[in-house]
Protein backbone atom coordinates (compact mmCIF):
# COMPACT_ATOMS: atom_id res chain seq x y z
CA UNK A 1 130.88 135.92 107.36
CA UNK A 2 130.30 132.24 108.64
CA UNK A 3 132.16 129.47 106.42
CA UNK A 4 131.36 126.09 105.68
CA UNK A 5 133.19 122.53 104.50
CA UNK A 6 130.94 120.50 102.83
CA UNK A 7 132.19 117.12 101.68
CA UNK A 8 130.60 115.38 98.77
CA UNK A 9 129.19 117.68 95.78
CA UNK A 10 125.85 115.58 94.77
CA UNK A 11 122.72 116.32 95.58
CA UNK A 12 123.10 116.66 99.28
CA UNK A 13 126.21 118.57 99.21
CA UNK A 14 124.98 120.81 96.17
CA UNK A 15 121.38 121.75 97.46
CA UNK A 16 123.25 122.47 101.02
CA UNK A 17 126.09 124.23 99.29
CA UNK A 18 123.29 126.68 97.31
CA UNK A 19 121.36 127.51 100.33
CA UNK A 20 124.18 128.51 102.58
CA UNK A 21 125.95 130.79 100.12
CA UNK A 22 121.92 132.15 99.26
CA UNK A 23 122.08 133.24 103.01
CA UNK A 24 125.47 134.46 103.44
CA UNK A 25 127.71 131.97 103.71
CA UNK A 26 131.10 131.23 102.32
CA UNK A 27 131.30 126.94 101.26
CA UNK A 28 134.24 125.43 99.93
CA UNK A 29 133.06 121.85 98.37
CA UNK A 30 135.20 119.00 98.78
CA UNK A 31 134.99 116.10 95.80
CA UNK A 32 136.65 112.99 95.61
CA UNK A 33 135.80 112.97 91.41
CA UNK A 34 136.73 115.25 88.54
CA UNK A 35 134.54 117.82 86.86
CA UNK A 36 133.23 116.39 83.34
CA UNK A 37 131.13 119.15 82.44
CA UNK A 38 133.03 121.94 80.18
CA UNK A 39 131.73 125.54 81.52
CA UNK A 40 131.04 124.39 85.57
CA UNK A 41 130.92 127.18 87.20
CA UNK A 42 131.55 129.32 84.11
CA UNK A 43 128.48 129.90 82.52
CA UNK A 44 124.54 129.31 83.36
CA UNK A 45 123.57 126.13 83.57
CA UNK A 46 121.52 126.09 80.31
CA UNK A 47 125.02 126.15 78.32
CA UNK A 48 127.05 123.69 80.42
CA UNK A 49 128.15 121.49 78.19
CA UNK A 50 127.79 117.94 78.45
CA UNK A 51 130.36 116.10 76.27
CA UNK A 52 130.03 112.29 77.35
CA UNK A 53 126.24 111.66 76.49
CA UNK A 54 124.18 109.77 74.37
CA UNK A 55 126.76 106.89 73.34
CA UNK A 56 125.10 103.88 72.41
CA UNK A 57 128.21 101.89 72.62
CA UNK A 58 128.56 102.17 76.20
CA UNK A 59 127.23 99.13 78.21
CA UNK A 60 127.79 100.14 81.65
CA UNK A 61 127.88 103.41 83.80
CA UNK A 62 131.73 104.46 82.89
CA UNK A 63 131.43 108.44 83.01
CA UNK A 64 132.05 109.83 86.84
CA UNK A 65 133.39 106.82 87.82
CA UNK A 66 136.66 105.91 89.68
CA UNK A 67 139.27 103.61 88.21
CA UNK A 68 138.45 100.42 90.65
CA UNK A 69 142.10 100.18 90.76
CA UNK A 70 143.08 102.74 92.13
CA UNK A 71 139.76 103.44 94.30
CA UNK A 72 137.97 99.68 95.01
CA UNK A 73 135.39 99.38 97.26
CA UNK A 74 135.34 95.62 98.99
CA UNK A 75 132.96 93.02 100.01
CA UNK A 76 131.39 90.20 101.42
CA UNK A 77 128.16 88.51 102.81
CA UNK A 78 127.66 87.64 105.99
CA UNK A 79 127.73 84.24 105.91
CA UNK A 80 131.69 84.59 104.39
CA UNK A 81 132.51 87.58 107.37
CA UNK A 82 131.57 85.32 109.90
CA UNK A 83 133.51 82.64 108.44
CA UNK A 84 136.60 84.90 108.69
CA UNK A 85 136.75 85.77 104.73
CA UNK A 86 138.02 89.72 104.73
CA UNK A 87 136.60 90.02 101.28
CA UNK A 88 135.44 87.85 97.98
CA UNK A 89 134.84 91.23 95.48
CA UNK A 90 137.11 94.11 94.62
CA UNK A 91 136.08 96.75 92.65
CA UNK A 92 133.26 99.71 92.29
CA UNK A 93 129.84 99.60 92.92
CA UNK A 94 127.78 100.15 90.23
CA UNK A 95 125.68 103.36 91.14
CA UNK A 96 128.79 105.06 92.98
CA UNK A 97 130.14 107.50 91.19
CA UNK A 98 132.53 109.79 92.16
CA UNK A 99 132.23 113.29 90.12
CA UNK A 100 131.71 116.73 90.14
CA UNK A 101 127.50 116.88 90.62
CA UNK A 102 127.60 113.56 92.17
CA UNK A 103 125.42 110.23 90.63
CA UNK A 104 122.29 112.21 89.43
CA UNK A 105 124.93 113.10 86.40
CA UNK A 106 123.77 109.97 85.30
CA UNK A 107 120.41 109.11 87.05
CA UNK A 108 117.49 108.54 85.43
CA UNK A 109 115.62 111.58 87.53
CA UNK A 110 112.87 109.89 89.13
CA UNK A 111 111.33 111.94 91.63
CA UNK A 112 108.53 110.23 93.64
CA UNK A 113 108.10 111.20 97.55
CA UNK A 114 108.50 109.14 100.28
CA UNK A 115 104.95 107.68 102.17
CA UNK A 116 104.28 109.23 105.40
CA UNK A 117 103.71 105.52 106.33
CA UNK A 118 107.61 105.32 105.95
CA UNK A 119 108.30 107.42 108.73
CA UNK A 120 106.30 105.58 111.38
CA UNK A 121 107.57 102.02 110.36
CA UNK A 122 108.24 100.85 113.60
CA UNK A 123 105.63 102.59 115.51
CA UNK A 124 102.89 101.08 112.68
CA UNK A 125 104.04 97.88 112.02
CA UNK A 126 106.67 96.52 114.98
CA UNK A 127 109.62 95.24 115.19
CA UNK A 128 111.25 92.44 112.94
CA UNK A 129 113.29 89.93 113.94
CA UNK A 130 117.28 89.97 112.72
CA UNK A 131 116.28 93.80 111.84
CA UNK A 132 117.22 97.35 112.97
CA UNK A 133 113.80 98.97 111.42
CA UNK A 134 113.00 102.40 113.25
CA UNK A 135 110.74 105.46 113.10
CA UNK A 136 112.29 108.60 111.98
CA UNK A 137 112.80 111.95 114.06
CA UNK A 138 111.09 113.41 111.01
CA UNK A 139 107.61 113.11 109.84
CA UNK A 140 106.24 113.39 106.00
CA UNK A 141 104.81 116.74 107.19
CA UNK A 142 108.42 118.07 108.30
CA UNK A 143 109.60 117.47 104.74
CA UNK A 144 106.66 118.36 103.08
CA UNK A 145 107.46 122.00 102.30
CA UNK A 146 110.82 121.43 101.33
CA UNK A 147 109.64 118.47 98.61
CA UNK A 148 107.76 121.58 96.93
CA UNK A 149 110.24 123.58 96.78
CA UNK A 150 112.75 121.49 95.59
CA UNK A 151 110.29 120.29 92.84
CA UNK A 152 109.54 123.69 91.83
CA UNK A 153 113.59 124.63 91.54
CA UNK A 154 114.63 121.29 89.76
CA UNK A 155 111.66 121.65 87.42
CA UNK A 156 109.38 117.96 87.88
CA UNK A 157 106.58 116.91 85.13
CA UNK A 158 103.66 114.91 86.16
CA UNK A 159 99.86 115.33 86.53
CA UNK A 160 98.27 114.94 90.01
CA UNK A 161 94.83 114.47 88.71
CA UNK A 162 96.28 111.28 87.27
CA UNK A 163 97.84 109.94 90.71
CA UNK A 164 95.54 107.38 92.23
CA UNK A 165 93.58 108.71 95.81
CA UNK A 166 96.04 106.31 98.00
CA UNK A 167 99.00 107.87 96.60
CA UNK A 168 98.11 111.20 97.37
CA UNK A 169 96.69 110.41 100.64
CA UNK A 170 100.14 108.62 101.71
CA UNK A 171 101.98 111.59 99.73
CA UNK A 172 99.80 114.56 99.74
CA UNK A 173 100.77 117.74 97.68
CA UNK A 174 99.90 121.50 97.57
CA UNK A 175 99.42 121.81 94.27
CA UNK A 176 100.05 120.52 90.75
CA UNK A 177 103.19 119.71 89.24
CA UNK A 178 105.09 122.71 87.53
CA UNK A 179 104.80 120.62 83.93
CA UNK A 180 102.80 118.46 82.55
CA UNK A 181 104.42 114.82 81.83
CA UNK A 182 105.34 113.78 78.42
CA UNK A 183 103.64 112.05 76.01
CA UNK A 184 103.62 108.16 77.10
CA UNK A 185 105.67 106.28 75.01
CA UNK A 186 104.40 102.78 72.91
CA UNK A 187 106.04 100.24 75.49
CA UNK A 188 105.20 101.94 78.66
CA UNK A 189 101.07 102.46 77.28
CA UNK A 190 101.60 98.70 76.45
CA UNK A 191 102.51 98.11 80.21
CA UNK A 192 100.17 100.07 81.29
CA UNK A 193 97.47 98.65 80.31
CA UNK A 194 98.64 94.75 81.77
CA UNK A 195 98.95 97.02 84.96
CA UNK A 196 95.30 98.00 84.29
CA UNK A 197 94.29 94.53 83.08
CA UNK A 198 95.07 93.51 86.62
CA UNK A 199 93.31 95.86 88.43
CA UNK A 200 96.53 98.62 89.44
CA UNK A 201 96.45 102.12 88.98
CA UNK A 202 99.46 103.08 86.37
CA UNK A 203 100.13 106.85 86.41
CA UNK A 204 102.65 109.66 84.86
CA UNK A 205 106.20 109.04 86.52
CA UNK A 206 107.11 112.34 88.34
CA UNK A 207 110.07 113.13 87.23
CA UNK A 208 113.20 115.61 87.10
CA UNK A 209 112.92 116.01 83.47
CA UNK A 210 111.39 118.90 81.33
CA UNK A 211 108.62 118.25 79.05
CA UNK A 212 108.58 121.45 77.63
CA UNK A 213 111.33 124.58 78.10
CA UNK A 214 112.17 125.35 81.75
CA UNK A 215 114.43 127.27 83.37
CA UNK A 216 116.28 128.34 80.11
CA UNK A 217 117.25 124.49 79.13
CA UNK A 218 115.21 122.80 76.73
CA UNK A 219 112.68 120.18 76.31
CA UNK A 220 113.39 116.42 76.40
CA UNK A 221 113.78 114.93 72.92
CA UNK A 222 113.42 111.03 73.85
CA UNK A 223 116.32 109.90 72.94
CA UNK A 224 115.88 106.71 75.27
CA UNK A 225 119.14 107.38 76.74
CA UNK A 226 118.61 108.50 80.28
CA UNK A 227 119.72 106.03 83.12
CA UNK A 228 122.73 105.43 82.83
CA UNK A 229 124.18 108.26 80.56
CA UNK A 230 124.14 112.01 80.82
CA UNK A 231 121.57 114.22 78.83
CA UNK A 232 123.27 115.79 75.95
CA UNK A 233 120.82 118.71 75.87
CA UNK A 234 120.52 119.34 79.71
CA UNK A 235 116.79 118.89 79.63
CA UNK A 236 117.18 116.88 82.77
CA UNK A 237 117.25 118.77 86.58
CA UNK A 238 120.11 117.60 88.23
CA UNK A 239 122.33 118.41 91.31
CA UNK A 240 125.02 120.42 89.10
CA UNK A 241 122.53 122.10 86.88
CA UNK A 242 119.76 123.35 89.26
CA UNK A 243 122.30 124.37 92.65
CA UNK A 244 125.57 123.69 92.15
CA UNK A 245 126.61 125.68 89.16
CA UNK A 246 124.21 128.45 90.26
CA UNK A 247 125.53 128.59 93.86
CA UNK A 248 129.35 128.71 92.19
CA UNK A 249 128.50 131.63 89.90
CA UNK A 250 127.45 133.52 93.20
CA UNK A 251 131.37 133.93 93.68
CA UNK A 252 130.78 132.56 97.36
CA UNK A 253 131.10 128.72 96.66
CA UNK A 254 134.54 126.81 95.67
CA UNK A 255 134.86 123.55 94.54
CA UNK A 256 137.64 121.88 95.03
CA UNK A 257 137.96 118.67 92.31
CA UNK A 258 139.99 115.48 93.20
CA UNK A 259 140.08 116.35 96.67
CA UNK A 260 139.54 112.92 98.73
CA UNK A 261 138.58 114.08 102.38
CA UNK A 262 140.90 111.31 104.79
CA UNK A 263 140.26 112.67 108.30
CA UNK A 264 138.12 115.18 110.01
CA UNK A 265 139.97 116.12 113.25
CA UNK A 266 138.52 117.46 116.45
CA UNK A 267 139.75 119.38 120.15
CA UNK A 268 140.69 116.89 122.98
CA UNK A 269 137.48 116.51 123.82
CA UNK A 270 136.01 115.57 121.08
CA UNK A 271 132.89 117.77 120.91
CA UNK A 272 134.16 120.05 118.02
CA UNK A 273 135.63 119.17 114.30
CA UNK A 274 138.47 121.70 113.84
CA UNK A 275 140.09 120.82 110.32
CA UNK A 276 139.56 118.99 107.43
CA UNK A 277 142.59 116.59 105.85
CA UNK A 278 142.45 116.18 102.24
CA UNK A 279 144.69 114.92 99.90
CA UNK A 280 144.54 117.50 96.60
CA UNK A 281 144.94 116.07 92.88
CA UNK A 282 148.18 115.44 93.50
CA UNK A 283 148.37 113.35 96.39
CA UNK A 284 149.51 116.20 98.76
CA UNK A 285 147.63 115.95 102.34
CA UNK A 286 146.37 119.61 102.98
CA UNK A 287 144.04 120.66 105.54
CA UNK A 288 141.25 124.09 105.94
CA UNK A 289 138.96 124.85 108.50
CA UNK A 290 135.39 126.12 109.16
CA UNK A 291 132.59 127.01 111.28
CA UNK A 292 130.35 124.20 110.16
CA UNK A 293 131.41 120.47 108.44
CA UNK A 294 128.62 118.67 106.28
CA UNK A 295 129.06 115.42 105.52
CA UNK A 296 127.79 114.77 101.85
CA UNK A 297 129.61 111.59 100.72
CA UNK A 298 127.31 108.84 99.87
CA UNK A 299 126.21 105.95 102.69
CA UNK A 300 129.46 104.28 102.04
CA UNK A 301 132.40 107.24 101.76
CA UNK A 302 130.20 109.22 104.62
CA UNK A 303 130.36 105.84 106.66
CA UNK A 304 134.31 105.61 106.06
CA UNK A 305 135.21 109.33 106.72
CA UNK A 306 133.61 108.78 109.89
CA UNK A 307 135.86 105.73 110.86
CA UNK A 308 138.84 107.13 109.76
CA UNK A 309 138.43 110.31 111.37
CA UNK A 310 138.82 108.02 115.09
CA UNK A 311 140.76 110.07 117.71
CA UNK A 312 141.48 109.22 121.60
CA UNK A 313 138.21 111.09 121.72
CA UNK A 314 136.64 108.93 119.43
CA UNK A 315 138.38 106.10 119.43
CA UNK A 316 135.82 103.72 117.31
CA UNK A 317 135.27 106.11 114.77
CA UNK A 318 134.05 109.93 115.02
CA UNK A 319 130.48 109.96 116.77
CA UNK A 320 130.39 106.28 117.00
CA UNK A 321 129.53 106.31 120.35
CA UNK A 322 125.91 104.17 119.98
CA UNK A 323 128.43 101.54 117.82
CA UNK A 324 126.06 102.22 114.91
CA UNK A 325 128.39 104.23 112.55
CA UNK A 326 128.32 101.95 108.84
CA UNK A 327 125.71 99.85 110.21
CA UNK A 328 122.48 99.34 108.66
CA UNK A 329 123.53 99.45 105.31
CA UNK A 330 120.83 99.42 102.75
CA UNK A 331 120.80 98.30 98.87
CA UNK A 332 117.08 98.49 97.09
CA UNK A 333 116.69 94.89 95.92
CA UNK A 334 115.49 94.75 92.50
CA UNK A 335 113.06 92.40 91.00
CA UNK A 336 113.51 92.83 86.92
CA UNK A 337 111.02 91.51 84.41
CA UNK A 338 109.65 91.37 81.14
CA UNK A 339 107.28 90.47 78.48
CA UNK A 340 107.85 88.97 75.46
CA UNK A 341 105.77 91.13 72.52
CA UNK A 342 104.69 90.00 69.23
CA UNK A 343 106.12 93.01 67.62
CA UNK A 344 109.06 95.66 68.52
CA UNK A 345 107.34 97.79 71.43
CA UNK A 346 110.16 100.72 71.05
CA UNK A 347 111.52 100.41 74.25
CA UNK A 348 114.37 103.00 73.60
CA UNK A 349 112.11 105.27 72.32
CA UNK A 350 111.14 107.32 75.29
CA UNK A 351 112.22 109.23 78.42
CA UNK A 352 113.41 106.33 81.15
CA UNK A 353 110.60 104.60 82.71
CA UNK A 354 107.55 107.36 82.17
CA UNK A 355 104.81 105.59 84.08
CA UNK A 356 104.58 104.66 87.57
CA UNK A 357 102.75 101.78 89.62
CA UNK A 358 102.49 102.41 93.25
CA UNK A 359 100.31 98.99 93.96
CA UNK A 360 102.73 96.82 95.69
CA UNK A 361 103.92 99.34 97.99
CA UNK A 362 102.30 97.68 100.79
CA UNK A 363 102.74 97.02 103.82
CA UNK A 364 101.33 93.34 103.04
CA UNK A 365 100.09 91.49 106.04
CA UNK A 366 97.99 87.95 106.68
CA UNK A 367 98.01 84.27 106.47
CA UNK A 368 100.08 84.27 103.29
CA UNK A 369 102.84 86.15 104.40
CA UNK A 370 103.59 84.88 108.26
CA UNK A 371 103.60 82.10 106.32
CA UNK A 372 107.01 83.39 104.48
CA UNK A 373 108.37 83.63 108.12
CA UNK A 374 108.09 87.47 108.58
CA UNK A 375 105.50 89.88 110.26
CA UNK A 376 104.76 92.07 106.90
CA UNK A 377 106.35 92.56 103.70
CA UNK A 378 107.13 96.20 102.66
CA UNK A 379 107.12 96.61 99.09
CA UNK A 380 107.66 98.96 96.36
CA UNK A 381 107.18 101.04 93.30
CA UNK A 382 107.22 99.46 89.86
CA UNK A 383 109.03 101.40 86.52
CA UNK A 384 107.75 100.86 83.41
CA UNK A 385 109.81 100.47 80.55
CA UNK A 386 112.96 100.26 78.84
CA UNK A 387 115.09 97.38 77.27
CA UNK A 388 118.41 96.82 76.27
CA UNK A 389 121.04 98.90 74.06
CA UNK A 390 122.51 97.62 71.50
CA UNK A 391 125.78 96.55 73.33
CA UNK A 392 124.05 94.90 76.12
CA UNK A 393 122.43 92.80 74.20
CA UNK A 394 125.28 91.66 72.39
CA UNK A 395 127.49 91.06 75.58
CA UNK A 396 124.44 89.15 76.82
CA UNK A 397 124.30 87.00 73.95
CA UNK A 398 128.17 86.14 74.07
CA UNK A 399 127.14 85.13 77.91
CA UNK A 400 124.94 82.76 76.66
CA UNK A 401 127.62 81.07 74.97
CA UNK A 402 126.95 82.27 71.23
CA UNK A 403 129.89 82.33 69.60
CA UNK A 404 131.26 85.24 67.76
CA UNK A 405 130.49 85.09 64.11
CA UNK A 406 127.68 83.88 62.11
CA UNK A 407 125.66 82.44 64.80
CA UNK A 408 126.26 86.01 67.00
CA UNK A 409 125.22 87.94 63.98
CA UNK A 410 122.19 86.17 63.69
CA UNK A 411 120.97 85.82 67.52
CA UNK A 412 121.53 90.05 67.08
CA UNK A 413 118.99 89.78 64.01
CA UNK A 414 116.23 88.02 65.63
CA UNK A 415 116.90 89.95 68.94
CA UNK A 416 114.32 88.14 71.00
CA UNK A 417 115.60 90.96 73.66
CA UNK A 418 116.24 94.14 72.99
CA UNK A 419 113.99 94.54 69.77
CA UNK A 420 111.08 92.59 71.50
CA UNK A 421 111.07 92.95 75.13
CA UNK A 422 109.19 95.63 77.31
CA UNK A 423 110.66 95.35 80.50
CA UNK A 424 109.66 96.83 84.42
CA UNK A 425 111.73 97.23 87.26
CA UNK A 426 110.63 96.82 90.26
CA UNK A 427 111.89 98.54 93.37
CA UNK A 428 112.01 96.61 96.77
CA UNK A 429 112.40 97.85 100.48
CA UNK A 430 115.67 96.60 102.24
CA UNK A 431 115.70 95.89 105.84
CA UNK A 432 118.39 97.51 108.27
CA UNK A 433 120.35 94.91 109.81
CA UNK A 434 123.33 95.92 112.09
CA UNK A 435 125.28 93.27 110.68
CA UNK A 436 124.95 94.66 107.19
CA UNK A 437 127.37 97.91 107.31
CA UNK A 438 130.65 99.44 106.40
CA UNK A 439 133.93 99.03 107.62
CA UNK A 440 137.13 100.14 107.04
CA UNK A 441 139.45 97.20 104.99
CA UNK A 442 142.32 95.78 107.14
CA UNK A 443 144.29 95.05 103.98
CA UNK A 444 143.77 97.44 100.95
CA UNK A 445 144.30 100.72 100.55
CA UNK A 446 144.16 103.15 97.91
CA UNK A 447 146.59 104.66 95.63
CA UNK A 448 146.61 107.62 98.58
CA UNK A 449 147.31 104.50 100.75
CA UNK A 450 144.15 104.92 102.99
CA UNK A 451 142.18 102.15 103.93
CA UNK A 452 139.32 101.63 101.52
CA UNK A 453 135.56 100.49 102.83
CA UNK A 454 134.59 97.35 103.24
CA UNK A 455 130.81 96.37 102.31
CA UNK A 456 129.44 93.48 104.10
CA UNK A 457 125.72 92.48 102.90
CA UNK A 458 123.32 89.84 102.60
CA UNK A 459 119.22 90.03 102.30
CA UNK A 460 117.20 89.28 105.10
CA UNK A 461 114.44 87.38 105.33
CA UNK A 462 111.98 89.78 104.32
CA UNK A 463 113.84 90.57 101.17
CA UNK A 464 113.58 87.20 100.35
CA UNK A 465 109.69 87.40 101.56
CA UNK A 466 109.11 90.24 99.80
CA UNK A 467 110.72 88.40 96.15
CA UNK A 468 108.45 85.52 96.98
CA UNK A 469 105.30 87.08 97.48
CA UNK A 470 105.64 89.54 94.77
CA UNK A 471 106.75 88.06 92.14
CA UNK A 472 103.84 85.97 91.12
CA UNK A 473 102.21 89.12 90.81
CA UNK A 474 104.58 91.33 88.73
CA UNK A 475 104.35 88.02 86.49
CA UNK A 476 100.74 88.23 86.24
CA UNK A 477 100.26 92.05 85.21
CA UNK A 478 103.40 91.21 82.13
CA UNK A 479 101.68 88.16 80.94
CA UNK A 480 98.42 90.68 81.11
CA UNK A 481 100.02 92.98 78.70
CA UNK A 482 98.32 93.47 75.41
CA UNK A 483 100.48 91.54 72.53
CA UNK A 484 102.87 89.29 75.38
CA UNK A 485 103.74 86.37 73.97
CA UNK A 486 105.30 85.19 77.15
CA UNK A 487 106.46 87.04 80.29
CA UNK A 488 108.87 86.40 83.08
CA UNK A 489 110.94 87.59 86.18
CA UNK A 490 114.14 87.38 87.94
CA UNK A 491 113.65 87.80 91.89
CA UNK A 492 117.68 88.41 92.69
CA UNK A 493 117.25 88.34 96.61
CA UNK A 494 115.96 84.80 95.85
CA UNK A 495 118.62 83.93 93.33
CA UNK A 496 121.79 84.61 95.74
CA UNK A 497 123.15 85.65 98.98
CA UNK A 498 125.98 87.67 97.50
CA UNK A 499 126.24 91.32 98.28
CA UNK A 500 124.33 93.08 95.98
CA UNK A 501 125.78 96.21 94.50
CA UNK A 502 122.42 98.35 94.15
CA UNK A 503 120.96 101.62 92.46
CA UNK A 504 120.62 103.22 95.73
CA UNK A 505 122.23 103.56 99.18
CA UNK A 506 120.68 103.99 102.30
CA UNK A 507 121.84 103.80 106.46
CA UNK A 508 125.24 103.85 107.93
CA UNK A 509 124.46 107.12 109.84
CA UNK A 510 120.91 106.96 110.56
CA UNK A 511 119.57 110.01 112.82
CA UNK A 512 117.47 109.77 115.34
CA UNK A 513 116.71 110.90 119.11
CA UNK A 514 118.24 108.77 121.28
CA UNK A 515 122.14 109.22 121.09
CA UNK A 516 122.04 105.34 122.39
CA UNK A 517 121.04 104.28 118.96
CA UNK A 518 121.40 106.57 116.83
CA UNK A 519 124.69 108.27 114.80
CA UNK A 520 122.89 111.99 114.74
CA UNK A 521 119.70 113.81 115.57
CA UNK A 522 117.23 115.40 113.52
CA UNK A 523 119.48 117.84 112.14
CA UNK A 524 121.87 115.65 111.03
CA UNK A 525 124.41 117.18 113.52
CA UNK A 526 126.51 114.25 115.27
CA UNK A 527 125.43 112.99 118.62
CA UNK A 528 128.74 113.72 119.65
CA UNK A 529 130.22 116.31 117.64
CA UNK A 530 128.35 119.85 117.64
CA UNK A 531 129.73 121.11 114.49
CA UNK A 532 129.81 118.32 112.05
CA UNK A 533 126.19 117.38 110.47
CA UNK A 534 125.61 114.70 107.59
CA UNK A 535 123.18 115.55 105.25
CA UNK A 536 123.20 112.58 102.62
CA UNK A 537 121.26 109.08 102.64
CA UNK A 538 123.38 107.96 105.76
CA UNK A 539 120.87 109.45 107.74
CA UNK A 540 117.77 106.90 106.70
CA UNK A 541 116.33 104.86 108.94
CA UNK A 542 114.53 103.19 106.62
CA UNK A 543 114.62 102.75 102.85
CA UNK A 544 110.72 102.92 101.58
CA UNK A 545 111.23 101.29 97.62
CA UNK A 546 111.41 104.51 96.15
CA UNK A 547 113.89 106.46 94.13
CA UNK A 548 115.50 108.34 97.04
CA UNK A 549 117.08 111.68 95.44
CA UNK A 550 114.32 113.74 95.95
CA UNK A 551 114.25 113.08 99.68
CA UNK A 552 117.98 113.39 99.64
CA UNK A 553 117.15 116.48 98.17
CA UNK A 554 114.63 117.62 100.32
CA UNK A 555 116.24 116.44 103.46
CA UNK A 556 119.27 118.03 102.88
CA UNK A 557 117.93 121.43 102.31
CA UNK A 558 115.72 121.12 105.27
CA UNK A 559 119.17 120.95 107.17
CA UNK A 560 121.27 123.79 105.77
CA UNK A 561 118.12 125.96 106.27
CA UNK A 562 118.22 125.21 110.19
CA UNK A 563 122.11 125.71 110.03
CA UNK A 564 122.11 128.97 108.28
CA UNK A 565 119.10 130.39 110.26
CA UNK A 566 121.33 129.13 113.36
CA UNK A 567 118.91 126.23 114.65
CA UNK A 568 121.19 124.00 115.21
């Protein structure tokens, strides 16, 4: 029986484990985080418990994250790096969790597809000074059947008849979604009308959330705590319920939790990996071997591991002959906006962001764009609906300087944010840059004594231009929302060059056909190591302004199936 080791148990690792097990492989999954779902590997997914959910006193994501004191990530800007500063931040990235099942434990389950033109950006639009724009080595058509398969397995709601023609032209579908969309909540309906009023085309957001009973799991009850929280009733499809738990129940997949991989060893010539070294939950170093090693640890941790695995055959890091390992770290940049409403829009009484708007995806060209100093602007999608939780609002007012006591109580009663705000998020593309990178911090180590990853990041001129160009358009939509008495947007890339710890990560081990400019081939296999594959978002050469989880699932499935069939 062929054997595989998968490092990381999130979207990429879980679906790969499921596919390899289905095709008769024995799989060991090494996960540095802990298991947070009682019943994992023992009961059917519909019966998994989710004990950490629906907790409105939480201000930020707290479950599924390592303690920053024990497993920190450090950071700095490009200018700080150039001035010799080793780091200016030390902590945990806001969406980079570590738990069995990965970040999908607390994602909001948005499942858009990337568009055709995202795979041919360099060919279509040309280079950009200071950026490393590249075409993907695969096309939309290569991923389309895997998009279809993942949507059928995870369970995605939507309505193809309500999707704009331009969206379907760029992301064509073979058929209808497996379930209809949930009803559109009041806040989202108002904002959608604002979009219609400026000539845009809102439609139900494709989401991996049950609108009807599916796969033995119930329909969403619109509790309002999707984003940042676990689903209390397992109505949300994710890496664990849809793939990892079923895979473990076959008996061919074993998950070792709290296992931090410290390096991958190779033969003397470096052409094959021989074993994987990891620290177990007690801090004891162990090693295991397998025919194939698949990296699914996240762009930051995958780059860290490749760099930690340097040896005489790979002196600058495993598979790093091109000097691209760790480079091209990309985060989605966000523009946050809100409309102040004349009455309570009930923004928290709904499935998270039930409406999508694609009218600012772009690309945008012309004199207005070139006047901003870039040849084109790539935008992204707009997520409609949402507001603050109760505790977020409380801390927000405290941050404004409102003292505790009667003044703070009055602010909460008036509630100019939570009970009157209808919010949007614009998800923006971040162009790859060689200087935006992950390397090993020279001084900081985790509790096991292993060097921690250091992220150096600053926005490109493109991100600043996009924020300047698109923010007025977003503001106009908010002002056109029925019942809006005021509106504002916060264009983060214009406000600071500080390393933006975004909610989505990509890059650091890009795939491509040229070994001199990429790390992996089209199957995610390291150009320089025959049996090591990267399968997570580290592979992405560009990072379109779309939630990435569906594409991570689909591309990992494509690679795992090719491995199982002996094609790579």
